[in-house]
């Protein structure tokens, strides 16, 4: 049972020799996903997800392209009142310093943390920023920010990404508590959320995972992607009383040979 779609795509990238193709390689998937968690509105133990992965390039312009694709998808559904949340969690060079700062900070709050966060504090304190428990959220409000601990390379990457998003006129908000729920993310992370409901109602999101393919046995390969929960999209369409837009018709190019066919071609076009 797959808990998510990115790792299987990365394994397919390696097993089928896609690293030998011109990079980046761009792939998509539609699959059923399984999570062992408490069912609630918009959150199920089995749901359908589609995702897009771009593998083989660390240019922040590719980050902007992927985010733009996700943003345009939601706009194409006529969904309103959406917020793009953005952050950078650094890389394996600068993240250890940030994790150390988080451990030092949370040492004073340990008594008020939930059971899961007490465990995460030892294994991966970054995940404490993602906890939805009120007591943990209160502690996270004043926690050290990853943006203040980025190495020069990650800082430059993040600033260039923000510049591209401004160029594309995509509104975004830097959310210093955004880390996503999977440990493989590096540098860019993002989520698209409804303005009412916040992180617990996230429609889709993603980020970079520049170390994952190497961890699966491949060569160091930068990559990023995003995923969208289909049931949650349907739920929000119903909430906003929006009908699914019709599929666009086929695109046809009409060419004419000679002047006599010009008028007919113009009428058909």
C-alpha atoms as a PDB file:
ATOM      1  CA  UNK A   1       0.000   0.000   0.000  1.00  0.00           C
ATOM      2  CA  UNK A   2       1.582   3.283  -1.104  1.00  0.00           C
ATOM      3  CA  UNK A   3       1.631   6.100   1.477  1.00  0.00           C
ATOM      4  CA  UNK A   4       2.694   8.617  -1.199  1.00  0.00           C
ATOM      5  CA  UNK A   5       3.721   8.769  -4.849  1.00  0.00           C
ATOM      6  CA  UNK A   6       7.112  10.454  -5.037  1.00  0.00           C
ATOM      7  CA  UNK A   7       9.354   7.599  -3.870  1.00  0.00           C
ATOM      8  CA  UNK A   8       7.793   5.073  -6.325  1.00  0.00           C
ATOM      9  CA  UNK A   9       8.338   7.525  -9.187  1.00  0.00           C
ATOM     10  CA  UNK A  10      11.972   7.968  -8.142  1.00  0.00           C
ATOM     11  CA  UNK A  11      12.466   4.200  -8.072  1.00  0.00           C
ATOM     12  CA  UNK A  12      10.948   3.949 -11.564  1.00  0.00           C
ATOM     13  CA  UNK A  13      13.300   6.729 -12.706  1.00  0.00           C
ATOM     14  CA  UNK A  14      16.261   4.606 -11.575  1.00  0.00           C
ATOM     15  CA  UNK A  15      15.024   1.151 -12.585  1.00  0.00           C
ATOM     16  CA  UNK A  16      14.061   2.187 -16.125  1.00  0.00           C
ATOM     17  CA  UNK A  17      17.232   4.153 -16.830  1.00  0.00           C
ATOM     18  CA  UNK A  18      15.490   7.513 -17.163  1.00  0.00           C
ATOM     19  CA  UNK A  19      18.645   9.171 -15.813  1.00  0.00           C
ATOM     20  CA  UNK A  20      20.176   8.449 -19.248  1.00  0.00           C
ATOM     21  CA  UNK A  21      17.633  10.723 -20.959  1.00  0.00           C
ATOM     22  CA  UNK A  22      18.081  14.492 -21.383  1.00  0.00           C
ATOM     23  CA  UNK A  23      17.389  16.113 -18.030  1.00  0.00           C
ATOM     24  CA  UNK A  24      15.135  17.185 -16.447  1.00  0.00           C
ATOM     25  CA  UNK A  25      12.748  14.274 -16.878  1.00  0.00           C
ATOM     26  CA  UNK A  26       9.126  15.245 -16.199  1.00  0.00           C
ATOM     27  CA  UNK A  27       6.641  12.600 -15.076  1.00  0.00           C
ATOM     28  CA  UNK A  28       3.127  12.443 -13.656  1.00  0.00           C
ATOM     29  CA  UNK A  29       1.056   9.837 -11.841  1.00  0.00           C
ATOM     30  CA  UNK A  30      -2.512   9.221 -10.692  1.00  0.00           C
ATOM     31  CA  UNK A  31      -2.779   6.636  -7.925  1.00  0.00           C
ATOM     32  CA  UNK A  32      -4.611   5.512  -4.814  1.00  0.00           C
ATOM     33  CA  UNK A  33      -2.748   6.418  -1.619  1.00  0.00           C
ATOM     34  CA  UNK A  34      -3.132   4.898   1.838  1.00  0.00           C
ATOM     35  CA  UNK A  35      -2.532   6.598   5.207  1.00  0.00           C
ATOM     36  CA  UNK A  36      -3.134   5.094   8.644  1.00  0.00           C
ATOM     37  CA  UNK A  37      -4.721   8.130  10.285  1.00  0.00           C
ATOM     38  CA  UNK A  38      -7.997   9.193  11.839  1.00  0.00           C
ATOM     39  CA  UNK A  39     -10.615   9.787   9.114  1.00  0.00           C
ATOM     40  CA  UNK A  40     -12.153  13.280   9.116  1.00  0.00           C
ATOM     41  CA  UNK A  41     -13.474  15.825   6.633  1.00  0.00           C
ATOM     42  CA  UNK A  42     -11.217  15.746   3.586  1.00  0.00           C
ATOM     43  CA  UNK A  43      -8.873  13.167   5.126  1.00  0.00           C
ATOM     44  CA  UNK A  44      -9.304   9.462   4.423  1.00  0.00           C
ATOM     45  CA  UNK A  45      -7.305   6.282   4.931  1.00  0.00           C
ATOM     46  CA  UNK A  46      -7.541   5.696   1.193  1.00  0.00           C
ATOM     47  CA  UNK A  47      -7.706   8.539  -1.284  1.00  0.00           C
ATOM     48  CA  UNK A  48      -6.718   9.349  -4.844  1.00  0.00           C
ATOM     49  CA  UNK A  49      -3.822  11.616  -5.635  1.00  0.00           C
ATOM     50  CA  UNK A  50      -2.198  12.936  -8.748  1.00  0.00           C
ATOM     51  CA  UNK A  51       1.297  14.301  -8.826  1.00  0.00           C
ATOM     52  CA  UNK A  52       3.967  15.742 -11.069  1.00  0.00           C
ATOM     53  CA  UNK A  53       7.719  15.228 -10.693  1.00  0.00           C
ATOM     54  CA  UNK A  54      10.591  17.061 -12.430  1.00  0.00           C
ATOM     55  CA  UNK A  55      13.864  15.196 -11.930  1.00  0.00           C
ATOM     56  CA  UNK A  56      17.403  16.204 -12.828  1.00  0.00           C
ATOM     57  CA  UNK A  57      17.734  19.990 -12.426  1.00  0.00           C
ATOM     58  CA  UNK A  58      18.386  22.259  -9.424  1.00  0.00           C
ATOM     59  CA  UNK A  59      17.587  25.550 -11.185  1.00  0.00           C
ATOM     60  CA  UNK A  60      15.087  27.589  -9.109  1.00  0.00           C
ATOM     61  CA  UNK A  61      13.370  28.433 -12.401  1.00  0.00           C
ATOM     62  CA  UNK A  62      12.193  24.806 -12.412  1.00  0.00           C
ATOM     63  CA  UNK A  63      10.790  25.287  -8.902  1.00  0.00           C
ATOM     64  CA  UNK A  64       8.854  28.280 -10.211  1.00  0.00           C
ATOM     65  CA  UNK A  65       7.624  26.245 -13.199  1.00  0.00           C
ATOM     66  CA  UNK A  66       6.310  23.459 -10.962  1.00  0.00           C
ATOM     67  CA  UNK A  67       4.656  25.895  -8.555  1.00  0.00           C
ATOM     68  CA  UNK A  68       3.124  27.779 -11.488  1.00  0.00           C
ATOM     69  CA  UNK A  69       1.714  24.523 -12.875  1.00  0.00           C
ATOM     70  CA  UNK A  70       0.106  23.729  -9.525  1.00  0.00           C
ATOM     71  CA  UNK A  71      -1.244  27.279  -9.148  1.00  0.00           C
ATOM     72  CA  UNK A  72      -2.671  27.360 -12.684  1.00  0.00           C
ATOM     73  CA  UNK A  73      -4.392  24.023 -12.086  1.00  0.00           C
ATOM     74  CA  UNK A  74      -6.317  25.414  -9.125  1.00  0.00           C
ATOM     75  CA  UNK A  75      -7.181  28.581 -11.033  1.00  0.00           C
ATOM     76  CA  UNK A  76      -8.483  26.469 -13.945  1.00  0.00           C
ATOM     77  CA  UNK A  77     -11.028  24.928 -11.558  1.00  0.00           C
ATOM     78  CA  UNK A  78     -12.264  28.423 -10.620  1.00  0.00           C
ATOM     79  CA  UNK A  79     -11.433  27.815  -6.960  1.00  0.00           C
ATOM     80  CA  UNK A  80     -11.343  31.069  -5.005  1.00  0.00           C
ATOM     81  CA  UNK A  81      -9.676  32.397  -1.852  1.00  0.00           C
ATOM     82  CA  UNK A  82      -6.507  30.336  -2.089  1.00  0.00           C
ATOM     83  CA  UNK A  83      -3.164  30.998  -0.452  1.00  0.00           C
ATOM     84  CA  UNK A  84       0.274  29.836  -1.660  1.00  0.00           C
ATOM     85  CA  UNK A  85       2.534  29.149   1.334  1.00  0.00           C
ATOM     86  CA  UNK A  86       6.289  28.984   0.695  1.00  0.00           C
ATOM     87  CA  UNK A  87       9.433  28.189   2.684  1.00  0.00           C
ATOM     88  CA  UNK A  88      12.962  26.841   2.363  1.00  0.00           C
ATOM     89  CA  UNK A  89      14.157  24.162   4.780  1.00  0.00           C
ATOM     90  CA  UNK A  90      17.789  24.241   3.643  1.00  0.00           C
ATOM     91  CA  UNK A  91      20.076  21.398   2.599  1.00  0.00           C
ATOM     92  CA  UNK A  92      22.228  18.790   4.343  1.00  0.00           C
ATOM     93  CA  UNK A  93      25.019  21.365   4.700  1.00  0.00           C
ATOM     94  CA  UNK A  94      23.052  24.050   6.556  1.00  0.00           C
ATOM     95  CA  UNK A  95      20.177  22.084   8.082  1.00  0.00           C
ATOM     96  CA  UNK A  96      22.183  20.498  10.956  1.00  0.00           C
ATOM     97  CA  UNK A  97      22.829  23.956  12.405  1.00  0.00           C
ATOM     98  CA  UNK A  98      19.141  24.777  12.185  1.00  0.00           C
ATOM     99  CA  UNK A  99      18.114  21.488  13.808  1.00  0.00           C
ATOM    100  CA  UNK A 100      20.539  22.187  16.651  1.00  0.00           C
ATOM    101  CA  UNK A 101      18.958  25.620  17.158  1.00  0.00           C
ATOM    102  CA  UNK A 102      15.489  24.023  17.251  1.00  0.00           C
ATOM    103  CA  UNK A 103      16.571  21.464  19.860  1.00  0.00           C
ATOM    104  CA  UNK A 104      18.017  24.199  22.058  1.00  0.00           C
ATOM    105  CA  UNK A 105      14.835  26.254  21.720  1.00  0.00           C
ATOM    106  CA  UNK A 106      12.408  23.410  22.434  1.00  0.00           C
ATOM    107  CA  UNK A 107      14.354  22.250  25.495  1.00  0.00           C
ATOM    108  CA  UNK A 108      12.494  24.946  27.463  1.00  0.00           C
ATOM    109  CA  UNK A 109       9.101  23.795  26.107  1.00  0.00           C
ATOM    110  CA  UNK A 110       9.528  20.041  26.397  1.00  0.00           C
ATOM    111  CA  UNK A 111       7.036  19.672  29.267  1.00  0.00           C
ATOM    112  CA  UNK A 112       4.209  21.169  27.186  1.00  0.00           C
ATOM    113  CA  UNK A 113       4.805  19.152  24.029  1.00  0.00           C
ATOM    114  CA  UNK A 114       2.507  16.345  22.895  1.00  0.00           C
ATOM    115  CA  UNK A 115       3.760  12.749  23.025  1.00  0.00           C
ATOM    116  CA  UNK A 116       4.549  12.632  19.298  1.00  0.00           C
ATOM    117  CA  UNK A 117       6.546  15.858  19.432  1.00  0.00           C
ATOM    118  CA  UNK A 118       8.610  14.655  22.380  1.00  0.00           C
ATOM    119  CA  UNK A 119       9.665  11.736  20.183  1.00  0.00           C
ATOM    120  CA  UNK A 120      10.215  13.963  17.148  1.00  0.00           C
ATOM    121  CA  UNK A 121      12.424  16.283  19.182  1.00  0.00           C
ATOM    122  CA  UNK A 122      15.053  13.541  19.308  1.00  0.00           C
ATOM    123  CA  UNK A 123      14.638  12.180  15.778  1.00  0.00           C
ATOM    124  CA  UNK A 124      13.670  15.181  13.632  1.00  0.00           C
ATOM    125  CA  UNK A 125      12.837  18.434  15.456  1.00  0.00           C
ATOM    126  CA  UNK A 126      11.855  20.027  12.141  1.00  0.00           C
ATOM    127  CA  UNK A 127       8.547  18.151  12.341  1.00  0.00           C
ATOM    128  CA  UNK A 128       7.595  19.970  15.554  1.00  0.00           C
ATOM    129  CA  UNK A 129       6.795  23.012  13.433  1.00  0.00           C
ATOM    130  CA  UNK A 130       4.173  20.941  11.588  1.00  0.00           C
ATOM    131  CA  UNK A 131       2.252  19.735  14.662  1.00  0.00           C
ATOM    132  CA  UNK A 132      -1.434  20.706  14.786  1.00  0.00           C
ATOM    133  CA  UNK A 133      -1.818  20.433  18.594  1.00  0.00           C
ATOM    134  CA  UNK A 134      -2.554  23.896  20.108  1.00  0.00           C
ATOM    135  CA  UNK A 135       0.148  23.654  22.790  1.00  0.00           C
ATOM    136  CA  UNK A 136       2.781  22.704  20.214  1.00  0.00           C
ATOM    137  CA  UNK A 137       1.632  25.393  17.788  1.00  0.00           C
ATOM    138  CA  UNK A 138       2.009  28.014  20.498  1.00  0.00           C
ATOM    139  CA  UNK A 139       5.605  26.957  21.099  1.00  0.00           C
ATOM    140  CA  UNK A 140       6.291  26.932  17.352  1.00  0.00           C
ATOM    141  CA  UNK A 141       5.207  30.553  16.929  1.00  0.00           C
ATOM    142  CA  UNK A 142       8.501  31.848  18.333  1.00  0.00           C
ATOM    143  CA  UNK A 143      10.759  29.019  17.152  1.00  0.00           C
ATOM    144  CA  UNK A 144      13.940  29.755  15.158  1.00  0.00           C
ATOM    145  CA  UNK A 145      13.332  30.282  11.447  1.00  0.00           C
ATOM    146  CA  UNK A 146      14.998  28.147   8.795  1.00  0.00           C
ATOM    147  CA  UNK A 147      15.490  31.247   6.619  1.00  0.00           C
ATOM    148  CA  UNK A 148      17.910  32.612   9.231  1.00  0.00           C
ATOM    149  CA  UNK A 149      20.095  29.485   9.030  1.00  0.00           C
ATOM    150  CA  UNK A 150      20.366  28.939   5.261  1.00  0.00           C
ATOM    151  CA  UNK A 151      23.792  28.551   3.688  1.00  0.00           C
ATOM    152  CA  UNK A 152      24.660  31.076   0.927  1.00  0.00           C
ATOM    153  CA  UNK A 153      23.692  28.590  -1.806  1.00  0.00           C
ATOM    154  CA  UNK A 154      20.256  27.844  -0.306  1.00  0.00           C
ATOM    155  CA  UNK A 155      19.648  31.518   0.447  1.00  0.00           C
ATOM    156  CA  UNK A 156      20.456  32.423  -3.168  1.00  0.00           C
ATOM    157  CA  UNK A 157      18.220  29.607  -4.457  1.00  0.00           C
ATOM    158  CA  UNK A 158      15.287  30.785  -2.313  1.00  0.00           C
ATOM    159  CA  UNK A 159      15.697  34.444  -3.267  1.00  0.00           C
ATOM    160  CA  UNK A 160      15.845  33.594  -6.968  1.00  0.00           C
ATOM    161  CA  UNK A 161      12.708  31.462  -6.644  1.00  0.00           C
ATOM    162  CA  UNK A 162      10.825  34.312  -4.987  1.00  0.00           C
ATOM    163  CA  UNK A 163      11.985  36.592  -7.790  1.00  0.00           C
ATOM    164  CA  UNK A 164      10.638  34.212 -10.440  1.00  0.00           C
ATOM    165  CA  UNK A 165       7.278  33.922  -8.660  1.00  0.00           C
ATOM    166  CA  UNK A 166       6.985  37.713  -8.565  1.00  0.00           C
ATOM    167  CA  UNK A 167       7.844  37.798 -12.267  1.00  0.00           C
ATOM    168  CA  UNK A 168       5.031  35.295 -12.912  1.00  0.00           C
ATOM    169  CA  UNK A 169       2.707  37.415 -10.737  1.00  0.00           C
ATOM    170  CA  UNK A 170       1.929  34.462  -8.479  1.00  0.00           C
ATOM    171  CA  UNK A 171       0.976  35.738  -5.005  1.00  0.00           C
ATOM    172  CA  UNK A 172       2.720  33.907  -2.168  1.00  0.00           C
ATOM    173  CA  UNK A 173       3.368  34.155   1.537  1.00  0.00           C
ATOM    174  CA  UNK A 174       6.600  33.013   3.192  1.00  0.00           C
ATOM    175  CA  UNK A 175       5.526  30.715   6.032  1.00  0.00           C
ATOM    176  CA  UNK A 176       8.483  30.022   8.312  1.00  0.00           C
ATOM    177  CA  UNK A 177       6.638  27.116   9.969  1.00  0.00           C
ATOM    178  CA  UNK A 178       5.982  25.262   6.726  1.00  0.00           C
ATOM    179  CA  UNK A 179       8.039  22.042   6.578  1.00  0.00           C
ATOM    180  CA  UNK A 180       5.676  19.464   4.965  1.00  0.00           C
ATOM    181  CA  UNK A 181       5.010  16.041   6.446  1.00  0.00           C
ATOM    182  CA  UNK A 182       7.736  13.937   4.815  1.00  0.00           C
ATOM    183  CA  UNK A 183      11.373  13.912   5.883  1.00  0.00           C
ATOM    184  CA  UNK A 184      12.931  13.833   2.412  1.00  0.00           C
ATOM    185  CA  UNK A 185      12.207  17.470   1.531  1.00  0.00           C
ATOM    186  CA  UNK A 186      15.119  19.886   0.995  1.00  0.00           C
ATOM    187  CA  UNK A 187      15.161  23.582   0.192  1.00  0.00           C
ATOM    188  CA  UNK A 188      11.833  24.570  -1.396  1.00  0.00           C
ATOM    189  CA  UNK A 189       8.561  23.486   0.200  1.00  0.00           C
ATOM    190  CA  UNK A 190       5.143  24.868  -0.703  1.00  0.00           C
ATOM    191  CA  UNK A 191       1.437  24.310  -0.115  1.00  0.00           C
ATOM    192  CA  UNK A 192      -1.769  25.657  -1.603  1.00  0.00           C
ATOM    193  CA  UNK A 193      -4.335  26.192   1.135  1.00  0.00           C
ATOM    194  CA  UNK A 194      -7.837  27.659   1.280  1.00  0.00           C
ATOM    195  CA  UNK A 195      -7.769  30.943   3.181  1.00  0.00           C
ATOM    196  CA  UNK A 196     -10.312  29.442   5.592  1.00  0.00           C
ATOM    197  CA  UNK A 197      -9.139  26.169   7.107  1.00  0.00           C
ATOM    198  CA  UNK A 198      -5.376  26.588   6.799  1.00  0.00           C
ATOM    199  CA  UNK A 199      -2.867  23.749   6.853  1.00  0.00           C
ATOM    200  CA  UNK A 200      -5.410  21.116   7.917  1.00  0.00           C
ATOM    201  CA  UNK A 201      -7.302  21.754   4.661  1.00  0.00           C
ATOM    202  CA  UNK A 202      -4.295  21.852   2.316  1.00  0.00           C
ATOM    203  CA  UNK A 203      -5.359  21.177  -1.277  1.00  0.00           C
ATOM    204  CA  UNK A 204      -1.924  20.271  -2.564  1.00  0.00           C
ATOM    205  CA  UNK A 205       1.747  20.855  -2.069  1.00  0.00           C
ATOM    206  CA  UNK A 206       5.257  19.686  -2.679  1.00  0.00           C
ATOM    207  CA  UNK A 207       8.863  20.733  -2.777  1.00  0.00           C
ATOM    208  CA  UNK A 208      12.427  19.680  -3.502  1.00  0.00           C
ATOM    209  CA  UNK A 209      13.896  16.326  -2.562  1.00  0.00           C
ATOM    210  CA  UNK A 210      17.459  16.656  -3.830  1.00  0.00           C
ATOM    211  CA  UNK A 211      18.804  13.753  -1.734  1.00  0.00           C
ATOM    212  CA  UNK A 212      16.064  11.151  -2.250  1.00  0.00           C
ATOM    213  CA  UNK A 213      17.306   9.516  -5.448  1.00  0.00           C
ATOM    214  CA  UNK A 214      20.785   9.121  -3.979  1.00  0.00           C
ATOM    215  CA  UNK A 215      19.240   7.536  -0.866  1.00  0.00           C
ATOM    216  CA  UNK A 216      17.454   5.056  -3.168  1.00  0.00           C
ATOM    217  CA  UNK A 217      20.755   3.991  -4.716  1.00  0.00           C
ATOM    218  CA  UNK A 218      21.195   6.450  -7.573  1.00  0.00           C
ATOM    219  CA  UNK A 219      23.674   9.230  -8.190  1.00  0.00           C
ATOM    220  CA  UNK A 220      23.090  12.643  -6.548  1.00  0.00           C
ATOM    221  CA  UNK A 221      20.134  13.999  -8.525  1.00  0.00           C
ATOM    222  CA  UNK A 222      18.154  17.172  -7.759  1.00  0.00           C
ATOM    223  CA  UNK A 223      14.384  16.865  -8.114  1.00  0.00           C
ATOM    224  CA  UNK A 224      11.078  18.372  -7.064  1.00  0.00           C
ATOM    225  CA  UNK A 225       7.372  17.848  -7.501  1.00  0.00           C
ATOM    226  CA  UNK A 226       3.892  18.393  -6.149  1.00  0.00           C
ATOM    227  CA  UNK A 227       0.821  16.302  -5.379  1.00  0.00           C
ATOM    228  CA  UNK A 228      -2.898  17.056  -5.118  1.00  0.00           C
ATOM    229  CA  UNK A 229      -5.575  15.134  -3.221  1.00  0.00           C
ATOM    230  CA  UNK A 230      -8.503  14.585  -5.579  1.00  0.00           C
ATOM    231  CA  UNK A 231     -11.161  14.013  -2.892  1.00  0.00           C
ATOM    232  CA  UNK A 232     -10.160  17.218  -1.155  1.00  0.00           C
ATOM    233  CA  UNK A 233     -10.475  19.125  -4.429  1.00  0.00           C
ATOM    234  CA  UNK A 234     -13.987  17.728  -4.909  1.00  0.00           C
ATOM    235  CA  UNK A 235     -14.889  18.691  -1.339  1.00  0.00           C
ATOM    236  CA  UNK A 236     -13.792  22.298  -1.900  1.00  0.00           C
ATOM    237  CA  UNK A 237     -15.589  22.528  -5.243  1.00  0.00           C
ATOM    238  CA  UNK A 238     -18.777  21.489  -3.459  1.00  0.00           C
ATOM    239  CA  UNK A 239     -18.178  23.957  -0.618  1.00  0.00           C
ATOM    240  CA  UNK A 240     -17.841  26.805  -3.098  1.00  0.00           C
ATOM    241  CA  UNK A 241     -20.714  25.482  -5.250  1.00  0.00           C
ATOM    242  CA  UNK A 242     -18.474  25.285  -8.321  1.00  0.00           C
ATOM    243  CA  UNK A 243     -19.166  22.937 -11.219  1.00  0.00           C
ATOM    244  CA  UNK A 244     -16.245  21.123 -12.785  1.00  0.00           C
ATOM    245  CA  UNK A 245     -15.243  23.121 -15.890  1.00  0.00           C
ATOM    246  CA  UNK A 246     -15.775  21.276 -19.207  1.00  0.00           C
ATOM    247  CA  UNK A 247     -12.760  19.708 -20.869  1.00  0.00           C
ATOM    248  CA  UNK A 248     -11.232  21.892 -23.596  1.00  0.00           C
ATOM    249  CA  UNK A 249     -11.852  20.735 -27.145  1.00  0.00           C
ATOM    250  CA  UNK A 250      -9.087  19.384 -29.391  1.00  0.00           C
ATOM    251  CA  UNK A 251      -6.702  21.894 -30.918  1.00  0.00           C
ATOM    252  CA  UNK A 252      -6.752  21.846 -34.723  1.00  0.00           C
ATOM    253  CA  UNK A 253      -4.374  23.633 -37.074  1.00  0.00           C
ATOM    254  CA  UNK A 254      -5.941  24.502 -40.416  1.00  0.00           C
ATOM    255  CA  UNK A 255      -3.684  25.011 -43.426  1.00  0.00           C
ATOM    256  CA  UNK A 256      -4.846  25.949 -46.898  1.00  0.00           C
ATOM    257  CA  UNK A 257      -3.150  25.340 -50.231  1.00  0.00           C
ATOM    258  CA  UNK A 258      -3.815  28.081 -52.735  1.00  0.00           C
ATOM    259  CA  UNK A 259      -5.968  31.187 -52.652  1.00  0.00           C
ATOM    260  CA  UNK A 260      -9.220  29.393 -53.518  1.00  0.00           C
ATOM    261  CA  UNK A 261      -9.166  27.506 -50.228  1.00  0.00           C
ATOM    262  CA  UNK A 262      -8.317  30.587 -48.137  1.00  0.00           C
ATOM    263  CA  UNK A 263     -11.934  31.663 -47.512  1.00  0.00           C
ATOM    264  CA  UNK A 264     -13.008  28.169 -46.457  1.00  0.00           C
ATOM    265  CA  UNK A 265     -10.009  27.931 -44.139  1.00  0.00           C
ATOM    266  CA  UNK A 266     -10.863  31.291 -42.580  1.00  0.00           C
ATOM    267  CA  UNK A 267     -14.473  30.207 -41.977  1.00  0.00           C
ATOM    268  CA  UNK A 268     -13.404  26.922 -40.404  1.00  0.00           C
ATOM    269  CA  UNK A 269     -10.851  28.630 -38.170  1.00  0.00           C
END
